[in-house]
Amino acid sequence: MGKLTIALVLLLLVAAAGGAAFLTTWEIPPPISNVEKVLPNDKFPK
């Protein structure tokens, strides 16, 4: 393997590790909007 190939593989591994670390520490805010859906009465057994 050439030096360029080794450098590209190492760069790819570092980028993947950095992306994984970012995703594990990112606190995604939960959605705030309420969802309301009207269910018709004839869908339920009596």
C-alpha atoms as a PDB file:
ATOM      1  CA  MET A   1       0.000   0.000   0.000  1.00  0.00           C
ATOM      2  CA  GLY A   2       1.207   3.456  -0.787  1.00  0.00           C
ATOM      3  CA  LYS A   3       1.517   6.289   1.675  1.00  0.00           C
ATOM      4  CA  LEU A   4      -1.411   8.094   0.056  1.00  0.00           C
ATOM      5  CA  THR A   5      -3.710   5.097   0.476  1.00  0.00           C
ATOM      6  CA  ILE A   6      -2.756   4.714   4.139  1.00  0.00           C
ATOM      7  CA  ALA A   7      -3.331   8.424   4.716  1.00  0.00           C
ATOM      8  CA  LEU A   8      -6.776   8.265   3.074  1.00  0.00           C
ATOM      9  CA  VAL A   9      -7.789   5.220   5.130  1.00  0.00           C
ATOM     10  CA  LEU A  10      -6.643   6.919   8.351  1.00  0.00           C
ATOM     11  CA  LEU A  11      -8.518  10.084   7.381  1.00  0.00           C
ATOM     12  CA  LEU A  12     -11.657   8.050   6.741  1.00  0.00           C
ATOM     13  CA  LEU A  13     -11.350   6.293  10.118  1.00  0.00           C
ATOM     14  CA  VAL A  14     -10.820   9.580  11.954  1.00  0.00           C
ATOM     15  CA  ALA A  15     -13.821  11.146  10.180  1.00  0.00           C
ATOM     16  CA  ALA A  16     -16.017   8.129  11.022  1.00  0.00           C
ATOM     17  CA  ALA A  17     -14.933   8.206  14.677  1.00  0.00           C
ATOM     18  CA  GLY A  18     -15.564  11.954  14.858  1.00  0.00           C
ATOM     19  CA  GLY A  19     -19.005  11.570  13.296  1.00  0.00           C
ATOM     20  CA  ALA A  20     -19.907   8.779  15.704  1.00  0.00           C
ATOM     21  CA  ALA A  21     -18.723  10.852  18.681  1.00  0.00           C
ATOM     22  CA  PHE A  22     -20.769  13.824  17.445  1.00  0.00           C
ATOM     23  CA  LEU A  23     -23.935  11.745  17.075  1.00  0.00           C
ATOM     24  CA  THR A  24     -23.580  10.156  20.526  1.00  0.00           C
ATOM     25  CA  THR A  25     -23.154  13.528  22.261  1.00  0.00           C
ATOM     26  CA  TRP A  26     -25.694  15.546  20.243  1.00  0.00           C
ATOM     27  CA  GLU A  27     -28.785  16.321  22.309  1.00  0.00           C
ATOM     28  CA  ILE A  28     -31.578  16.525  19.750  1.00  0.00           C
ATOM     29  CA  PRO A  29     -34.495  18.589  21.080  1.00  0.00           C
ATOM     30  CA  PRO A  30     -37.801  16.686  21.120  1.00  0.00           C
ATOM     31  CA  PRO A  31     -40.668  17.957  18.968  1.00  0.00           C
ATOM     32  CA  ILE A  32     -42.880  20.417  20.846  1.00  0.00           C
ATOM     33  CA  SER A  33     -46.055  20.437  18.736  1.00  0.00           C
ATOM     34  CA  ASN A  34     -49.043  18.387  19.886  1.00  0.00           C
ATOM     35  CA  VAL A  35     -50.612  15.866  17.536  1.00  0.00           C
ATOM     36  CA  GLU A  36     -54.372  15.410  17.770  1.00  0.00           C
ATOM     37  CA  LYS A  37     -56.248  12.935  15.627  1.00  0.00           C
ATOM     38  CA  VAL A  38     -59.987  12.259  15.728  1.00  0.00           C
ATOM     39  CA  LEU A  39     -60.812   8.558  15.658  1.00  0.00           C
ATOM     40  CA  PRO A  40     -64.287   7.662  14.432  1.00  0.00           C
ATOM     41  CA  ASN A  41     -66.482   5.658  16.836  1.00  0.00           C
ATOM     42  CA  ASP A  42     -67.366   3.004  14.228  1.00  0.00           C
ATOM     43  CA  LYS A  43     -63.741   1.775  14.275  1.00  0.00           C
ATOM     44  CA  PHE A  44     -64.154   0.431  17.828  1.00  0.00           C
ATOM     45  CA  PRO A  45     -66.153  -2.706  18.717  1.00  0.00           C
ATOM     46  CA  LYS A  46     -69.156  -2.271  21.000  1.00  0.00           C
END
